Amino acid sequence: MQRNDRKDYRKMEGWLERFSRARLLVVGDLMRDIFIWGKVKRISPEAPVPVVEVEKETAMLGGAANVVHNLIALGAKIHLAGVVGDDAAGEAIIRQLREKGVEIQGVVIEPGRPTTVKTRIIAHGQQIVRVDREVRKPIGKESRSRMLKALKELLPETDLVLISDYAKGVISPELNRGFFPLAKKLGKKILIDPKLVNLSSYRGGSIITPNHLEAGQIARLEVETDAQVEKAGKIIMEELGMEAVLITRGEHGISLIEKSKPARHIPTEAREVYDVTGAGDTVLSALGVGLAAGLDLYAATVIANLAAGIGVSKLGTSVVSRDELRQALQNGGL
């Protein structure tokens, strides 16, 4: 496929102001991302491991909360549904969300369940190790009931739904069966960033965004060439009843497979890749806000591909702003 010319990008730029009209409902696993930054100057005498001399520590919204962070940076209005623990990390997430003006009516605090925290130790721009503190068992029945009550109240107020699934216990067949039919009845599209363990629960959704490895596992075939990607996309659409499949392919860009339309393969916009942390969140966010603002699926996918190229050029869980997108569109790409 040919690269989009500057004329196409200039036309898309005019849609960015409409992002502020978009109202999205994000459902998924809320996390706190902690980054410990430092330098390595020696090896430990206790074991053959590097000693990181800490210079600073930063904490950011992660998981579905990072999707929210991206959407805010793009100018959208957000409702959020998810679960945090009754702990300091959960309090920090809720505080940050409130400070950003996010509607958290659907966020449930579950006693006895720890908030998921991912701690990454980075030295000289390279991730040394990641430490996860989490429980992946399904959320409690009461938490699910409270979420469903909030979701049913929020659906009429939103343009579309984004499912950010990290397989930490929030997304389940019981939860999705509780609100997918209502979303469909109200004409709200459901976009899904999937995890294979919950695959069976996604039926009834609209668009799914696996990476090429996930797509290959779902379709049970190797996914490398354009032809293989197209075949996998068609299998996924058929098995899950989706309207479209958007497959992210790293350095090969993004492929969009729709029913009754030729597949379209969009080359990557990334020039330098420093960190892919949160790249799927960026794609889901930009795709969702683009569709909610009125772009067609192909144009929204082009925007998502451009946003991903910007995001992976940054180190750490990062967001892509509307101004960054505007600058890239004005430049005809990255």
C-alpha atoms as a PDB file:
ATOM      1  CA  MET A   1       0.000   0.000   0.000  1.00  0.00           C
ATOM      2  CA  GLN A   2       1.182   3.473  -0.763  1.00  0.00           C
ATOM      3  CA  ARG A   3       1.958   5.916   2.002  1.00  0.00           C
ATOM      4  CA  ASN A   4      -0.740   8.531   2.638  1.00  0.00           C
ATOM      5  CA  ASP A   5       0.127  11.780   0.878  1.00  0.00           C
ATOM      6  CA  ARG A   6       0.168  15.192   2.523  1.00  0.00           C
ATOM      7  CA  LYS A   7      -3.224  16.046   1.076  1.00  0.00           C
ATOM      8  CA  ASP A   8      -4.826  13.144   2.970  1.00  0.00           C
ATOM      9  CA  TYR A   9      -3.088  14.153   6.194  1.00  0.00           C
ATOM     10  CA  ARG A  10      -4.139  17.778   5.861  1.00  0.00           C
ATOM     11  CA  LYS A  11      -7.740  16.661   5.441  1.00  0.00           C
ATOM     12  CA  MET A  12      -7.521  14.537   8.586  1.00  0.00           C
ATOM     13  CA  GLU A  13      -6.054  17.434  10.542  1.00  0.00           C
ATOM     14  CA  GLY A  14      -9.399  19.211  10.287  1.00  0.00           C
ATOM     15  CA  TRP A  15     -11.035  16.451  12.333  1.00  0.00           C
ATOM     16  CA  LEU A  16      -8.808  16.906  15.384  1.00  0.00           C
ATOM     17  CA  GLU A  17     -10.934  19.688  16.847  1.00  0.00           C
ATOM     18  CA  ARG A  18     -13.890  17.288  16.879  1.00  0.00           C
ATOM     19  CA  PHE A  19     -12.024  15.060  19.345  1.00  0.00           C
ATOM     20  CA  SER A  20     -13.228  17.311  22.173  1.00  0.00           C
ATOM     21  CA  ARG A  21     -16.819  16.280  21.378  1.00  0.00           C
ATOM     22  CA  ALA A  22     -16.048  12.572  21.759  1.00  0.00           C
ATOM     23  CA  ARG A  23     -17.435  10.807  24.824  1.00  0.00           C
ATOM     24  CA  LEU A  24     -15.941   7.405  25.527  1.00  0.00           C
ATOM     25  CA  LEU A  25     -16.528   4.701  28.128  1.00  0.00           C
ATOM     26  CA  VAL A  26     -13.384   2.760  29.072  1.00  0.00           C
ATOM     27  CA  VAL A  27     -13.748  -0.631  30.781  1.00  0.00           C
ATOM     28  CA  GLY A  28     -10.801  -2.680  31.973  1.00  0.00           C
ATOM     29  CA  ASP A  29      -7.930  -3.411  34.331  1.00  0.00           C
ATOM     30  CA  LEU A  30      -6.614  -0.381  36.208  1.00  0.00           C
ATOM     31  CA  MET A  31      -2.919  -0.326  37.094  1.00  0.00           C
ATOM     32  CA  ARG A  32      -0.204   1.882  38.479  1.00  0.00           C
ATOM     33  CA  ASP A  33       3.062   1.999  36.522  1.00  0.00           C
ATOM     34  CA  ILE A  34       6.158   2.887  38.546  1.00  0.00           C
ATOM     35  CA  PHE A  35       9.475   3.663  36.884  1.00  0.00           C
ATOM     36  CA  ILE A  36      12.741   3.650  38.839  1.00  0.00           C
ATOM     37  CA  TRP A  37      15.470   5.405  36.870  1.00  0.00           C
ATOM     38  CA  GLY A  38      19.187   5.105  37.558  1.00  0.00           C
ATOM     39  CA  LYS A  39      22.668   4.172  36.429  1.00  0.00           C
ATOM     40  CA  VAL A  40      24.756   1.005  36.635  1.00  0.00           C
ATOM     41  CA  LYS A  41      28.401   1.456  37.585  1.00  0.00           C
ATOM     42  CA  ARG A  42      29.211  -1.892  39.160  1.00  0.00           C
ATOM     43  CA  ILE A  43      28.189  -5.512  39.611  1.00  0.00           C
ATOM     44  CA  SER A  44      26.956  -6.686  42.992  1.00  0.00           C
ATOM     45  CA  PRO A  45      29.480  -8.672  45.065  1.00  0.00           C
ATOM     46  CA  GLU A  46      26.563 -10.746  46.370  1.00  0.00           C
ATOM     47  CA  ALA A  47      25.470 -12.089  42.979  1.00  0.00           C
ATOM     48  CA  PRO A  48      26.308 -11.480  39.286  1.00  0.00           C
ATOM     49  CA  VAL A  49      23.664  -8.768  38.885  1.00  0.00           C
ATOM     50  CA  PRO A  50      23.959  -5.031  38.148  1.00  0.00           C
ATOM     51  CA  VAL A  51      23.635  -2.531  40.990  1.00  0.00           C
ATOM     52  CA  VAL A  52      21.309   0.295  39.960  1.00  0.00           C
ATOM     53  CA  GLU A  53      22.030   3.626  41.617  1.00  0.00           C
ATOM     54  CA  VAL A  54      18.589   5.264  41.726  1.00  0.00           C
ATOM     55  CA  GLU A  55      18.328   8.834  40.458  1.00  0.00           C
ATOM     56  CA  LYS A  56      14.550   9.315  40.350  1.00  0.00           C
ATOM     57  CA  GLU A  57      11.216   7.539  40.540  1.00  0.00           C
ATOM     58  CA  THR A  58       8.045   8.320  38.603  1.00  0.00           C
ATOM     59  CA  ALA A  59       4.526   6.897  38.825  1.00  0.00           C
ATOM     60  CA  MET A  60       1.946   6.912  36.031  1.00  0.00           C
ATOM     61  CA  LEU A  61      -1.484   5.583  35.188  1.00  0.00           C
ATOM     62  CA  GLY A  62      -1.265   2.124  33.620  1.00  0.00           C
ATOM     63  CA  GLY A  63      -3.460  -0.470  31.915  1.00  0.00           C
ATOM     64  CA  ALA A  64      -6.958   0.810  31.203  1.00  0.00           C
ATOM     65  CA  ALA A  65      -6.049   3.954  33.149  1.00  0.00           C
ATOM     66  CA  ASN A  66      -3.318   4.620  30.569  1.00  0.00           C
ATOM     67  CA  VAL A  67      -5.960   4.363  27.836  1.00  0.00           C
ATOM     68  CA  VAL A  68      -7.852   7.060  29.740  1.00  0.00           C
ATOM     69  CA  HIS A  69      -4.684   9.157  30.018  1.00  0.00           C
ATOM     70  CA  ASN A  70      -4.210   8.955  26.239  1.00  0.00           C
ATOM     71  CA  LEU A  71      -7.829   9.888  25.572  1.00  0.00           C
ATOM     72  CA  ILE A  72      -7.545  12.939  27.810  1.00  0.00           C
ATOM     73  CA  ALA A  73      -4.410  14.039  25.962  1.00  0.00           C
ATOM     74  CA  LEU A  74      -6.388  13.720  22.717  1.00  0.00           C
ATOM     75  CA  GLY A  75      -9.122  15.947  24.141  1.00  0.00           C
ATOM     76  CA  ALA A  76     -11.918  13.426  24.713  1.00  0.00           C
ATOM     77  CA  LYS A  77     -14.361  13.211  27.628  1.00  0.00           C
ATOM     78  CA  ILE A  78     -14.145   9.980  29.604  1.00  0.00           C
ATOM     79  CA  HIS A  79     -16.216   7.675  31.782  1.00  0.00           C
ATOM     80  CA  LEU A  80     -14.302   4.804  33.382  1.00  0.00           C
ATOM     81  CA  ALA A  81     -15.240   1.427  34.866  1.00  0.00           C
ATOM     82  CA  GLY A  82     -12.751  -0.840  36.620  1.00  0.00           C
ATOM     83  CA  VAL A  83     -11.532  -2.099  39.983  1.00  0.00           C
ATOM     84  CA  VAL A  84      -8.792  -1.002  42.367  1.00  0.00           C
ATOM     85  CA  GLY A  85      -7.783  -2.310  45.758  1.00  0.00           C
ATOM     86  CA  ASP A  86      -8.326  -0.608  49.093  1.00  0.00           C
ATOM     87  CA  ASP A  87      -4.674   0.420  49.288  1.00  0.00           C
ATOM     88  CA  ALA A  88      -2.274   3.301  48.656  1.00  0.00           C
ATOM     89  CA  ALA A  89      -1.844   2.444  44.966  1.00  0.00           C
ATOM     90  CA  GLY A  90      -5.618   2.401  44.439  1.00  0.00           C
ATOM     91  CA  GLU A  91      -5.971   5.735  46.233  1.00  0.00           C
ATOM     92  CA  ALA A  92      -3.242   7.208  44.030  1.00  0.00           C
ATOM     93  CA  ILE A  93      -4.992   6.049  40.835  1.00  0.00           C
ATOM     94  CA  ILE A  94      -8.338   7.482  41.936  1.00  0.00           C
ATOM     95  CA  ARG A  95      -6.713  10.758  42.965  1.00  0.00           C
ATOM     96  CA  GLN A  96      -4.940  11.110  39.619  1.00  0.00           C
ATOM     97  CA  LEU A  97      -8.103  10.318  37.679  1.00  0.00           C
ATOM     98  CA  ARG A  98     -10.111  12.878  39.624  1.00  0.00           C
ATOM     99  CA  GLU A  99      -7.429  15.502  39.063  1.00  0.00           C
ATOM    100  CA  LYS A 100      -7.740  14.863  35.328  1.00  0.00           C
ATOM    101  CA  GLY A 101     -11.517  15.283  35.412  1.00  0.00           C
ATOM    102  CA  VAL A 102     -12.354  11.641  34.642  1.00  0.00           C
ATOM    103  CA  GLU A 103     -15.836  10.432  35.591  1.00  0.00           C
ATOM    104  CA  ILE A 104     -15.148   7.454  37.879  1.00  0.00           C
ATOM    105  CA  GLN A 105     -18.696   6.420  38.708  1.00  0.00           C
ATOM    106  CA  GLY A 106     -17.854   2.914  37.469  1.00  0.00           C
ATOM    107  CA  VAL A 107     -14.613   2.486  39.464  1.00  0.00           C
ATOM    108  CA  VAL A 108     -15.096   0.006  42.305  1.00  0.00           C
ATOM    109  CA  ILE A 109     -12.853  -0.392  45.352  1.00  0.00           C
ATOM    110  CA  GLU A 110     -12.595  -4.085  46.270  1.00  0.00           C
ATOM    111  CA  PRO A 111     -11.406  -4.749  49.849  1.00  0.00           C
ATOM    112  CA  GLY A 112      -8.770  -7.448  50.166  1.00  0.00           C
ATOM    113  CA  ARG A 113      -7.688  -7.201  46.542  1.00  0.00           C
ATOM    114  CA  PRO A 114      -4.370  -5.442  45.813  1.00  0.00           C
ATOM    115  CA  THR A 115      -4.206  -2.827  43.093  1.00  0.00           C
ATOM    116  CA  THR A 116      -2.034  -4.041  40.213  1.00  0.00           C
ATOM    117  CA  VAL A 117       1.344  -2.284  40.299  1.00  0.00           C
ATOM    118  CA  LYS A 118       4.069  -2.779  37.710  1.00  0.00           C
ATOM    119  CA  THR A 119       7.506  -1.487  38.696  1.00  0.00           C
ATOM    120  CA  ARG A 120      10.129  -1.133  35.986  1.00  0.00           C
ATOM    121  CA  ILE A 121      13.781  -0.488  36.785  1.00  0.00           C
ATOM    122  CA  ILE A 122      15.520   1.387  33.985  1.00  0.00           C
ATOM    123  CA  ALA A 123      19.240   2.140  33.682  1.00  0.00           C
ATOM    124  CA  HIS A 124      20.888   4.046  30.820  1.00  0.00           C
ATOM    125  CA  GLY A 125      17.612   4.041  28.905  1.00  0.00           C
ATOM    126  CA  GLN A 126      17.225   0.242  29.085  1.00  0.00           C
ATOM    127  CA  GLN A 127      14.744  -1.725  31.172  1.00  0.00           C
ATOM    128  CA  ILE A 128      16.638  -4.013  33.541  1.00  0.00           C
ATOM    129  CA  VAL A 129      13.763  -5.817  35.222  1.00  0.00           C
ATOM    130  CA  ARG A 130      10.037  -5.515  35.874  1.00  0.00           C
ATOM    131  CA  VAL A 131       8.378  -6.417  39.165  1.00  0.00           C
ATOM    132  CA  ASP A 132       4.616  -7.105  39.194  1.00  0.00           C
ATOM    133  CA  ARG A 133       2.424  -6.966  42.291  1.00  0.00           C
ATOM    134  CA  GLU A 134      -1.003  -8.284  41.393  1.00  0.00           C
ATOM    135  CA  VAL A 135      -3.796 -10.813  41.776  1.00  0.00           C
ATOM    136  CA  ARG A 136      -5.259 -12.155  38.533  1.00  0.00           C
ATOM    137  CA  LYS A 137      -8.277 -14.002  39.881  1.00  0.00           C
ATOM    138  CA  PRO A 138     -11.700 -12.709  38.788  1.00  0.00           C
ATOM    139  CA  ILE A 139     -13.094  -9.733  40.670  1.00  0.00           C
ATOM    140  CA  GLY A 140     -15.721 -10.482  43.300  1.00  0.00           C
ATOM    141  CA  LYS A 141     -19.392 -10.929  42.459  1.00  0.00           C
ATOM    142  CA  GLU A 142     -20.344  -7.747  44.337  1.00  0.00           C
ATOM    143  CA  SER A 143     -17.713  -5.712  42.463  1.00  0.00           C
ATOM    144  CA  ARG A 144     -18.999  -7.048  39.133  1.00  0.00           C
ATOM    145  CA  SER A 145     -22.598  -6.198  40.065  1.00  0.00           C
ATOM    146  CA  ARG A 146     -21.622  -2.652  41.009  1.00  0.00           C
ATOM    147  CA  MET A 147     -19.705  -2.249  37.761  1.00  0.00           C
ATOM    148  CA  LEU A 148     -22.626  -3.527  35.692  1.00  0.00           C
ATOM    149  CA  LYS A 149     -25.031  -1.140  37.394  1.00  0.00           C
ATOM    150  CA  ALA A 150     -22.724   1.772  36.561  1.00  0.00           C
ATOM    151  CA  LEU A 151     -22.153   0.583  32.986  1.00  0.00           C
ATOM    152  CA  LYS A 152     -25.867   0.399  32.255  1.00  0.00           C
ATOM    153  CA  GLU A 153     -26.276   3.967  33.516  1.00  0.00           C
ATOM    154  CA  LEU A 154     -23.265   5.287  31.558  1.00  0.00           C
ATOM    155  CA  LEU A 155     -23.844   3.633  28.174  1.00  0.00           C
ATOM    156  CA  PRO A 156     -26.544   6.063  26.978  1.00  0.00           C
ATOM    157  CA  GLU A 157     -24.190   8.988  27.706  1.00  0.00           C
ATOM    158  CA  THR A 158     -21.259   7.713  25.608  1.00  0.00           C
ATOM    159  CA  ASP A 159     -20.424   7.425  21.907  1.00  0.00           C
ATOM    160  CA  LEU A 160     -18.591   4.108  22.090  1.00  0.00           C
ATOM    161  CA  VAL A 161     -16.945   1.629  24.468  1.00  0.00           C
ATOM    162  CA  LEU A 162     -13.268   0.683  24.749  1.00  0.00           C
ATOM    163  CA  ILE A 163     -12.378  -2.634  26.407  1.00  0.00           C
ATOM    164  CA  SER A 164      -8.799  -2.575  27.732  1.00  0.00           C
ATOM    165  CA  ASP A 165      -8.192  -6.160  28.836  1.00  0.00           C
ATOM    166  CA  TYR A 166      -4.968  -7.037  30.648  1.00  0.00           C
ATOM    167  CA  ALA A 167      -6.334 -10.332  32.067  1.00  0.00           C
ATOM    168  CA  LYS A 168      -6.158  -9.093  35.665  1.00  0.00           C
ATOM    169  CA  GLY A 169      -9.669 -10.214  36.551  1.00  0.00           C
ATOM    170  CA  VAL A 170     -12.021  -7.396  35.499  1.00  0.00           C
ATOM    171  CA  ILE A 171     -13.089  -8.583  32.033  1.00  0.00           C
ATOM    172  CA  SER A 172     -15.082 -11.821  32.060  1.00  0.00           C
ATOM    173  CA  PRO A 173     -17.939 -13.516  30.176  1.00  0.00           C
ATOM    174  CA  GLU A 174     -20.288 -12.626  33.043  1.00  0.00           C
ATOM    175  CA  LEU A 175     -19.397  -8.915  32.872  1.00  0.00           C
ATOM    176  CA  ASN A 176     -19.565  -8.703  29.081  1.00  0.00           C
ATOM    177  CA  ARG A 177     -22.853 -10.593  28.858  1.00  0.00           C
ATOM    178  CA  GLY A 178     -24.221  -8.068  31.295  1.00  0.00           C
ATOM    179  CA  PHE A 179     -23.727  -5.011  29.110  1.00  0.00           C
ATOM    180  CA  PHE A 180     -22.713  -5.972  25.526  1.00  0.00           C
ATOM    181  CA  PRO A 181     -26.355  -6.569  24.466  1.00  0.00           C
ATOM    182  CA  LEU A 182     -27.393  -3.152  25.808  1.00  0.00           C
ATOM    183  CA  ALA A 183     -24.515  -1.460  24.002  1.00  0.00           C
ATOM    184  CA  LYS A 184     -25.579  -3.159  20.774  1.00  0.00           C
ATOM    185  CA  LYS A 185     -29.201  -2.176  21.318  1.00  0.00           C
ATOM    186  CA  LEU A 186     -28.131   1.457  21.802  1.00  0.00           C
ATOM    187  CA  GLY A 187     -25.922   1.355  18.695  1.00  0.00           C
ATOM    188  CA  LYS A 188     -22.642   1.779  20.608  1.00  0.00           C
ATOM    189  CA  LYS A 189     -19.600   0.154  19.013  1.00  0.00           C
ATOM    190  CA  ILE A 190     -17.328  -1.861  21.296  1.00  0.00           C
ATOM    191  CA  LEU A 191     -13.583  -1.789  20.549  1.00  0.00           C
ATOM    192  CA  ILE A 192     -11.489  -4.472  22.229  1.00  0.00           C
ATOM    193  CA  ASP A 193      -7.778  -4.700  23.013  1.00  0.00           C
ATOM    194  CA  PRO A 194      -7.770  -8.434  23.800  1.00  0.00           C
ATOM    195  CA  LYS A 195      -6.103 -11.058  25.934  1.00  0.00           C
ATOM    196  CA  LEU A 196      -6.373 -14.639  24.718  1.00  0.00           C
ATOM    197  CA  VAL A 197      -7.560 -16.016  28.056  1.00  0.00           C
ATOM    198  CA  ASN A 198     -10.795 -14.028  27.701  1.00  0.00           C
ATOM    199  CA  LEU A 199     -11.330 -14.623  23.992  1.00  0.00           C
ATOM    200  CA  SER A 200     -14.705 -16.319  24.333  1.00  0.00           C
ATOM    201  CA  SER A 201     -16.135 -13.322  26.192  1.00  0.00           C
ATOM    202  CA  TYR A 202     -15.657 -10.865  23.314  1.00  0.00           C
ATOM    203  CA  ARG A 203     -18.453 -12.130  21.069  1.00  0.00           C
ATOM    204  CA  GLY A 204     -20.882  -9.292  20.572  1.00  0.00           C
ATOM    205  CA  GLY A 205     -18.116  -6.717  20.236  1.00  0.00           C
ATOM    206  CA  SER A 206     -17.490  -4.643  17.108  1.00  0.00           C
ATOM    207  CA  ILE A 207     -13.742  -4.277  16.449  1.00  0.00           C
ATOM    208  CA  ILE A 208     -10.820  -6.193  17.959  1.00  0.00           C
ATOM    209  CA  THR A 209      -7.186  -5.018  17.904  1.00  0.00           C
ATOM    210  CA  PRO A 210      -4.779  -7.941  18.483  1.00  0.00           C
ATOM    211  CA  ASN A 211      -1.084  -7.706  17.708  1.00  0.00           C
ATOM    212  CA  HIS A 212       0.261 -10.087  15.073  1.00  0.00           C
ATOM    213  CA  LEU A 213       1.342 -12.696  17.646  1.00  0.00           C
ATOM    214  CA  GLU A 214      -2.094 -12.715  19.281  1.00  0.00           C
ATOM    215  CA  ALA A 215      -3.775 -12.848  15.878  1.00  0.00           C
ATOM    216  CA  GLY A 216      -1.703 -15.879  14.943  1.00  0.00           C
ATOM    217  CA  GLN A 217      -2.627 -17.649  18.168  1.00  0.00           C
ATOM    218  CA  ILE A 218      -6.326 -16.887  17.745  1.00  0.00           C
ATOM    219  CA  ALA A 219      -6.364 -18.004  14.100  1.00  0.00           C
ATOM    220  CA  ARG A 220      -3.982 -20.909  14.758  1.00  0.00           C
ATOM    221  CA  LEU A 221      -1.612 -20.028  11.944  1.00  0.00           C
ATOM    222  CA  GLU A 222       1.600 -18.143  11.277  1.00  0.00           C
ATOM    223  CA  VAL A 223       1.037 -14.432  10.730  1.00  0.00           C
ATOM    224  CA  GLU A 224       3.921 -12.717   8.947  1.00  0.00           C
ATOM    225  CA  THR A 225       3.013 -11.842   5.364  1.00  0.00           C
ATOM    226  CA  ASP A 226       0.153  -9.612   4.240  1.00  0.00           C
ATOM    227  CA  ALA A 227      -1.693 -12.653   2.892  1.00  0.00           C
ATOM    228  CA  GLN A 228      -1.352 -14.502   6.213  1.00  0.00           C
ATOM    229  CA  VAL A 229      -2.538 -11.424   8.105  1.00  0.00           C
ATOM    230  CA  GLU A 230      -5.611 -11.168   5.865  1.00  0.00           C
ATOM    231  CA  LYS A 231      -6.432 -14.839   6.354  1.00  0.00           C
ATOM    232  CA  ALA A 232      -6.043 -14.535  10.127  1.00  0.00           C
ATOM    233  CA  GLY A 233      -8.241 -11.444  10.194  1.00  0.00           C
ATOM    234  CA  LYS A 234     -11.024 -13.211   8.309  1.00  0.00           C
ATOM    235  CA  ILE A 235     -10.861 -16.209  10.656  1.00  0.00           C
ATOM    236  CA  ILE A 236     -11.033 -13.942  13.714  1.00  0.00           C
ATOM    237  CA  MET A 237     -13.970 -11.995  12.284  1.00  0.00           C
ATOM    238  CA  GLU A 238     -15.845 -15.198  11.580  1.00  0.00           C
ATOM    239  CA  GLU A 239     -15.135 -16.890  14.919  1.00  0.00           C
ATOM    240  CA  LEU A 240     -15.864 -13.853  17.096  1.00  0.00           C
ATOM    241  CA  GLY A 241     -18.557 -12.222  14.979  1.00  0.00           C
ATOM    242  CA  MET A 242     -16.634  -8.942  14.662  1.00  0.00           C
ATOM    243  CA  GLU A 243     -17.276  -6.188  12.121  1.00  0.00           C
ATOM    244  CA  ALA A 244     -13.543  -5.622  11.635  1.00  0.00           C
ATOM    245  CA  VAL A 245     -10.125  -6.715  12.870  1.00  0.00           C
ATOM    246  CA  LEU A 246      -7.210  -4.315  13.236  1.00  0.00           C
ATOM    247  CA  ILE A 247      -3.891  -6.170  13.580  1.00  0.00           C
ATOM    248  CA  THR A 248      -0.876  -4.241  14.866  1.00  0.00           C
ATOM    249  CA  ARG A 249       2.341  -5.541  13.302  1.00  0.00           C
ATOM    250  CA  GLY A 250       5.237  -3.636  14.878  1.00  0.00           C
ATOM    251  CA  GLU A 251       7.682  -2.468  12.223  1.00  0.00           C
ATOM    252  CA  HIS A 252       5.201  -3.575   9.530  1.00  0.00           C
ATOM    253  CA  GLY A 253       2.531  -1.120  10.658  1.00  0.00           C
ATOM    254  CA  ILE A 254      -1.179  -1.907  10.985  1.00  0.00           C
ATOM    255  CA  SER A 255      -3.497  -4.060   8.874  1.00  0.00           C
ATOM    256  CA  LEU A 256      -7.228  -3.411   8.713  1.00  0.00           C
ATOM    257  CA  ILE A 257      -9.497  -6.283   7.696  1.00  0.00           C
ATOM    258  CA  GLU A 258     -13.213  -5.573   7.231  1.00  0.00           C
ATOM    259  CA  LYS A 259     -16.141  -7.569   5.939  1.00  0.00           C
ATOM    260  CA  SER A 260     -16.782  -7.253   2.203  1.00  0.00           C
ATOM    261  CA  LYS A 261     -13.814  -4.898   1.698  1.00  0.00           C
ATOM    262  CA  PRO A 262     -10.229  -5.438   0.550  1.00  0.00           C
ATOM    263  CA  ALA A 263      -7.724  -5.592   3.416  1.00  0.00           C
ATOM    264  CA  ARG A 264      -5.632  -2.452   3.831  1.00  0.00           C
ATOM    265  CA  HIS A 265      -2.062  -2.481   5.097  1.00  0.00           C
ATOM    266  CA  ILE A 266      -0.773   0.796   6.547  1.00  0.00           C
ATOM    267  CA  PRO A 267       3.035   1.097   6.818  1.00  0.00           C
ATOM    268  CA  THR A 268       4.504   2.042  10.184  1.00  0.00           C
ATOM    269  CA  GLU A 269       5.190   5.703  10.867  1.00  0.00           C
ATOM    270  CA  ALA A 270       7.790   4.991  13.567  1.00  0.00           C
ATOM    271  CA  ARG A 271      11.303   6.178  12.811  1.00  0.00           C
ATOM    272  CA  GLU A 272      12.968   5.201  16.086  1.00  0.00           C
ATOM    273  CA  VAL A 273      11.571   2.753  18.630  1.00  0.00           C
ATOM    274  CA  TYR A 274      12.640   3.410  22.207  1.00  0.00           C
ATOM    275  CA  ASP A 275       9.873   1.686  24.145  1.00  0.00           C
ATOM    276  CA  VAL A 276       6.714  -0.210  23.152  1.00  0.00           C
ATOM    277  CA  THR A 277       5.237   0.047  26.666  1.00  0.00           C
ATOM    278  CA  GLY A 278       1.620   1.116  26.277  1.00  0.00           C
ATOM    279  CA  ALA A 279       1.673   1.044  22.463  1.00  0.00           C
ATOM    280  CA  GLY A 280      -1.536  -1.004  22.350  1.00  0.00           C
ATOM    281  CA  ASP A 281      -3.187   1.535  24.647  1.00  0.00           C
ATOM    282  CA  THR A 282      -2.211   4.330  22.264  1.00  0.00           C
ATOM    283  CA  VAL A 283      -3.667   2.510  19.242  1.00  0.00           C
ATOM    284  CA  LEU A 284      -6.932   1.701  21.043  1.00  0.00           C
ATOM    285  CA  SER A 285      -7.280   5.283  22.309  1.00  0.00           C
ATOM    286  CA  ALA A 286      -6.608   7.008  18.999  1.00  0.00           C
ATOM    287  CA  LEU A 287      -8.818   4.577  17.084  1.00  0.00           C
ATOM    288  CA  GLY A 288     -11.652   5.050  19.551  1.00  0.00           C
ATOM    289  CA  VAL A 289     -11.547   8.834  19.695  1.00  0.00           C
ATOM    290  CA  GLY A 290     -11.264   9.014  15.907  1.00  0.00           C
ATOM    291  CA  LEU A 291     -14.394   6.906  15.429  1.00  0.00           C
ATOM    292  CA  ALA A 292     -16.264   8.779  18.161  1.00  0.00           C
ATOM    293  CA  ALA A 293     -15.388  12.065  16.440  1.00  0.00           C
ATOM    294  CA  GLY A 294     -16.899  10.851  13.178  1.00  0.00           C
ATOM    295  CA  LEU A 295     -13.937   9.544  11.169  1.00  0.00           C
ATOM    296  CA  ASP A 296     -14.519   6.421   9.110  1.00  0.00           C
ATOM    297  CA  LEU A 297     -12.721   3.269  10.234  1.00  0.00           C
ATOM    298  CA  TYR A 298      -9.880   3.534   7.731  1.00  0.00           C
ATOM    299  CA  ALA A 299      -9.124   7.183   8.556  1.00  0.00           C
ATOM    300  CA  ALA A 300      -9.289   6.412  12.303  1.00  0.00           C
ATOM    301  CA  THR A 301      -6.836   3.532  11.748  1.00  0.00           C
ATOM    302  CA  VAL A 302      -4.429   5.857   9.932  1.00  0.00           C
ATOM    303  CA  ILE A 303      -4.623   8.243  12.900  1.00  0.00           C
ATOM    304  CA  ALA A 304      -4.021   5.348  15.312  1.00  0.00           C
ATOM    305  CA  ASN A 305      -0.996   4.211  13.307  1.00  0.00           C
ATOM    306  CA  LEU A 306       0.449   7.720  13.393  1.00  0.00           C
ATOM    307  CA  ALA A 307      -0.167   7.998  17.145  1.00  0.00           C
ATOM    308  CA  ALA A 308       1.576   4.651  17.715  1.00  0.00           C
ATOM    309  CA  GLY A 309       4.613   5.893  15.791  1.00  0.00           C
ATOM    310  CA  ILE A 310       4.815   8.917  18.071  1.00  0.00           C
ATOM    311  CA  GLY A 311       4.281   6.861  21.230  1.00  0.00           C
ATOM    312  CA  VAL A 312       7.022   4.271  20.681  1.00  0.00           C
ATOM    313  CA  SER A 313       9.565   7.049  20.173  1.00  0.00           C
ATOM    314  CA  LYS A 314       9.220   7.903  23.880  1.00  0.00           C
ATOM    315  CA  LEU A 315      10.629   6.039  26.872  1.00  0.00           C
ATOM    316  CA  GLY A 316       8.228   4.752  29.505  1.00  0.00           C
ATOM    317  CA  THR A 317       4.426   4.572  29.560  1.00  0.00           C
ATOM    318  CA  SER A 318       3.682   7.591  27.403  1.00  0.00           C
ATOM    319  CA  VAL A 319       0.699   9.425  25.974  1.00  0.00           C
ATOM    320  CA  VAL A 320       0.279  11.102  22.604  1.00  0.00           C
ATOM    321  CA  SER A 321      -1.377  14.500  22.594  1.00  0.00           C
ATOM    322  CA  ARG A 322      -3.656  16.103  20.045  1.00  0.00           C
ATOM    323  CA  ASP A 323      -0.993  18.765  19.419  1.00  0.00           C
ATOM    324  CA  GLU A 324       1.596  16.077  18.636  1.00  0.00           C
ATOM    325  CA  LEU A 325      -0.812  14.473  16.199  1.00  0.00           C
ATOM    326  CA  ARG A 326      -1.555  17.838  14.594  1.00  0.00           C
ATOM    327  CA  GLN A 327       2.160  18.542  14.123  1.00  0.00           C
ATOM    328  CA  ALA A 328       2.717  15.121  12.560  1.00  0.00           C
ATOM    329  CA  LEU A 329      -0.235  15.576  10.199  1.00  0.00           C
ATOM    330  CA  GLN A 330       1.027  19.024   9.195  1.00  0.00           C
ATOM    331  CA  ASN A 331       4.437  17.495   8.477  1.00  0.00           C
ATOM    332  CA  GLY A 332       2.940  14.754   6.344  1.00  0.00           C
ATOM    333  CA  GLY A 333       4.050  12.101   8.841  1.00  0.00           C
ATOM    334  CA  LEU A 334       6.895  11.535  11.271  1.00  0.00           C
END
